Amino acid sequence: MDAIRKRLEQELRSATARLRQMGGADALDELRPVGDTAFADEVDIIQANEWREIGFATRELLVDRVNALSSALDRVKTGDYGTCTECG
């Protein structure tokens, strides 16, 4: 069980670090209206919107991953890890 705990902790650190990295200056850029520059054409705007949506979706998946890993670590600590959470 110790190996499982260590692996979960490592994966949690990795996911958390990636989430923090994504939450930096890039997140502020995503909030700025697309097409603010004089040189932006329709394709630039569409591409920027696409990248912004991909960033939002990636962050959402990482948040879900962090929550799942934290929950799994809690179950390891209480001895419930490996038992189905729905049917026991």
C-alpha atoms as a PDB file:
ATOM      1  CA  MET A   1       0.000   0.000   0.000  1.00  0.00           C
ATOM      2  CA  ASP A   2       2.980   2.293   0.593  1.00  0.00           C
ATOM      3  CA  ALA A   3       3.936   2.102  -3.099  1.00  0.00           C
ATOM      4  CA  ILE A   4       0.403   3.069  -4.108  1.00  0.00           C
ATOM      5  CA  ARG A   5       0.423   6.022  -1.705  1.00  0.00           C
ATOM      6  CA  LYS A   6       3.770   7.238  -3.057  1.00  0.00           C
ATOM      7  CA  ARG A   7       2.597   6.965  -6.641  1.00  0.00           C
ATOM      8  CA  LEU A   8      -0.641   8.832  -5.884  1.00  0.00           C
ATOM      9  CA  GLU A   9       1.305  11.568  -4.088  1.00  0.00           C
ATOM     10  CA  GLN A  10       3.715  11.910  -7.024  1.00  0.00           C
ATOM     11  CA  GLU A  11       0.858  12.114  -9.519  1.00  0.00           C
ATOM     12  CA  LEU A  12      -0.893  14.680  -7.320  1.00  0.00           C
ATOM     13  CA  ARG A  13       2.255  16.830  -7.178  1.00  0.00           C
ATOM     14  CA  SER A  14       2.625  16.593 -10.946  1.00  0.00           C
ATOM     15  CA  ALA A  15      -1.010  17.506 -11.664  1.00  0.00           C
ATOM     16  CA  THR A  16      -0.922  20.353  -9.146  1.00  0.00           C
ATOM     17  CA  ALA A  17       2.283  21.752 -10.634  1.00  0.00           C
ATOM     18  CA  ARG A  18       0.819  21.635 -14.124  1.00  0.00           C
ATOM     19  CA  LEU A  19      -2.356  23.319 -12.927  1.00  0.00           C
ATOM     20  CA  ARG A  20      -0.354  26.083 -11.240  1.00  0.00           C
ATOM     21  CA  GLN A  21       1.716  26.521 -14.386  1.00  0.00           C
ATOM     22  CA  MET A  22      -1.424  26.933 -16.481  1.00  0.00           C
ATOM     23  CA  GLY A  23      -2.934  29.391 -14.016  1.00  0.00           C
ATOM     24  CA  GLY A  24      -0.202  31.988 -14.467  1.00  0.00           C
ATOM     25  CA  ALA A  25       0.008  34.795 -16.995  1.00  0.00           C
ATOM     26  CA  ASP A  26      -1.605  32.667 -19.701  1.00  0.00           C
ATOM     27  CA  ALA A  27      -4.881  32.694 -17.777  1.00  0.00           C
ATOM     28  CA  LEU A  28      -4.871  36.495 -17.760  1.00  0.00           C
ATOM     29  CA  ASP A  29      -4.234  36.563 -21.505  1.00  0.00           C
ATOM     30  CA  GLU A  30      -7.226  34.307 -22.027  1.00  0.00           C
ATOM     31  CA  LEU A  31      -9.527  36.803 -20.339  1.00  0.00           C
ATOM     32  CA  ARG A  32      -8.527  39.611 -22.699  1.00  0.00           C
ATOM     33  CA  PRO A  33     -10.916  40.057 -25.634  1.00  0.00           C
ATOM     34  CA  VAL A  34      -9.658  38.333 -28.757  1.00  0.00           C
ATOM     35  CA  GLY A  35      -8.941  40.555 -31.717  1.00  0.00           C
ATOM     36  CA  ASP A  36      -7.584  43.541 -29.793  1.00  0.00           C
ATOM     37  CA  THR A  37      -4.764  44.041 -32.268  1.00  0.00           C
ATOM     38  CA  ALA A  38      -5.146  45.905 -35.536  1.00  0.00           C
ATOM     39  CA  PHE A  39      -3.669  42.945 -37.432  1.00  0.00           C
ATOM     40  CA  ALA A  40      -6.094  40.297 -36.208  1.00  0.00           C
ATOM     41  CA  ASP A  41      -8.184  38.785 -38.950  1.00  0.00           C
ATOM     42  CA  GLU A  42     -11.073  36.343 -38.661  1.00  0.00           C
ATOM     43  CA  VAL A  43      -8.791  33.290 -38.718  1.00  0.00           C
ATOM     44  CA  ASP A  44      -6.616  34.755 -35.944  1.00  0.00           C
ATOM     45  CA  ILE A  45      -9.690  35.365 -33.824  1.00  0.00           C
ATOM     46  CA  ILE A  46     -11.034  31.848 -34.410  1.00  0.00           C
ATOM     47  CA  GLN A  47      -7.664  30.291 -33.609  1.00  0.00           C
ATOM     48  CA  ALA A  48      -7.261  32.363 -30.434  1.00  0.00           C
ATOM     49  CA  ASN A  49     -10.752  31.372 -29.291  1.00  0.00           C
ATOM     50  CA  GLU A  50      -9.969  27.720 -29.980  1.00  0.00           C
ATOM     51  CA  TRP A  51      -6.757  27.841 -27.935  1.00  0.00           C
ATOM     52  CA  ARG A  52      -8.573  29.613 -25.123  1.00  0.00           C
ATOM     53  CA  GLU A  53     -11.276  26.925 -25.015  1.00  0.00           C
ATOM     54  CA  ILE A  54      -8.644  24.174 -25.062  1.00  0.00           C
ATOM     55  CA  GLY A  55      -6.927  25.861 -22.120  1.00  0.00           C
ATOM     56  CA  PHE A  56     -10.182  26.057 -20.165  1.00  0.00           C
ATOM     57  CA  ALA A  57     -10.955  22.389 -20.857  1.00  0.00           C
ATOM     58  CA  THR A  58      -7.439  21.294 -19.920  1.00  0.00           C
ATOM     59  CA  ARG A  59      -7.601  23.175 -16.623  1.00  0.00           C
ATOM     60  CA  GLU A  60     -10.984  21.634 -15.864  1.00  0.00           C
ATOM     61  CA  LEU A  61      -9.606  18.141 -16.491  1.00  0.00           C
ATOM     62  CA  LEU A  62      -6.605  18.865 -14.268  1.00  0.00           C
ATOM     63  CA  VAL A  63      -8.854  20.102 -11.452  1.00  0.00           C
ATOM     64  CA  ASP A  64     -10.891  16.894 -11.730  1.00  0.00           C
ATOM     65  CA  ARG A  65      -7.654  14.854 -11.658  1.00  0.00           C
ATOM     66  CA  VAL A  66      -6.360  16.680  -8.571  1.00  0.00           C
ATOM     67  CA  ASN A  67      -9.677  16.102  -6.804  1.00  0.00           C
ATOM     68  CA  ALA A  68      -9.705  12.399  -7.708  1.00  0.00           C
ATOM     69  CA  LEU A  69      -6.110  11.917  -6.536  1.00  0.00           C
ATOM     70  CA  SER A  70      -6.784  13.761  -3.276  1.00  0.00           C
ATOM     71  CA  SER A  71      -9.820  11.591  -2.677  1.00  0.00           C
ATOM     72  CA  ALA A  72      -7.816   8.439  -3.387  1.00  0.00           C
ATOM     73  CA  LEU A  73      -5.108   9.531  -0.936  1.00  0.00           C
ATOM     74  CA  ASP A  74      -7.763  10.151   1.716  1.00  0.00           C
ATOM     75  CA  ARG A  75      -9.060   6.616   1.157  1.00  0.00           C
ATOM     76  CA  VAL A  76      -5.525   5.238   1.471  1.00  0.00           C
ATOM     77  CA  LYS A  77      -5.148   7.002   4.833  1.00  0.00           C
ATOM     78  CA  THR A  78      -8.455   5.653   6.146  1.00  0.00           C
ATOM     79  CA  GLY A  79      -7.856   2.142   4.799  1.00  0.00           C
ATOM     80  CA  ASP A  80     -10.751   2.307   2.347  1.00  0.00           C
ATOM     81  CA  TYR A  81      -8.617   2.408  -0.804  1.00  0.00           C
ATOM     82  CA  GLY A  82      -9.488  -0.439  -3.160  1.00  0.00           C
ATOM     83  CA  THR A  83     -13.081  -0.675  -1.941  1.00  0.00           C
ATOM     84  CA  CYS A  84     -15.802   0.446  -4.350  1.00  0.00           C
ATOM     85  CA  THR A  85     -17.149   3.814  -3.197  1.00  0.00           C
ATOM     86  CA  GLU A  86     -20.589   3.060  -4.637  1.00  0.00           C
ATOM     87  CA  CYS A  87     -21.326  -0.474  -3.496  1.00  0.00           C
ATOM     88  CA  GLY A  88     -18.701  -1.112  -0.815  1.00  0.00           C
END
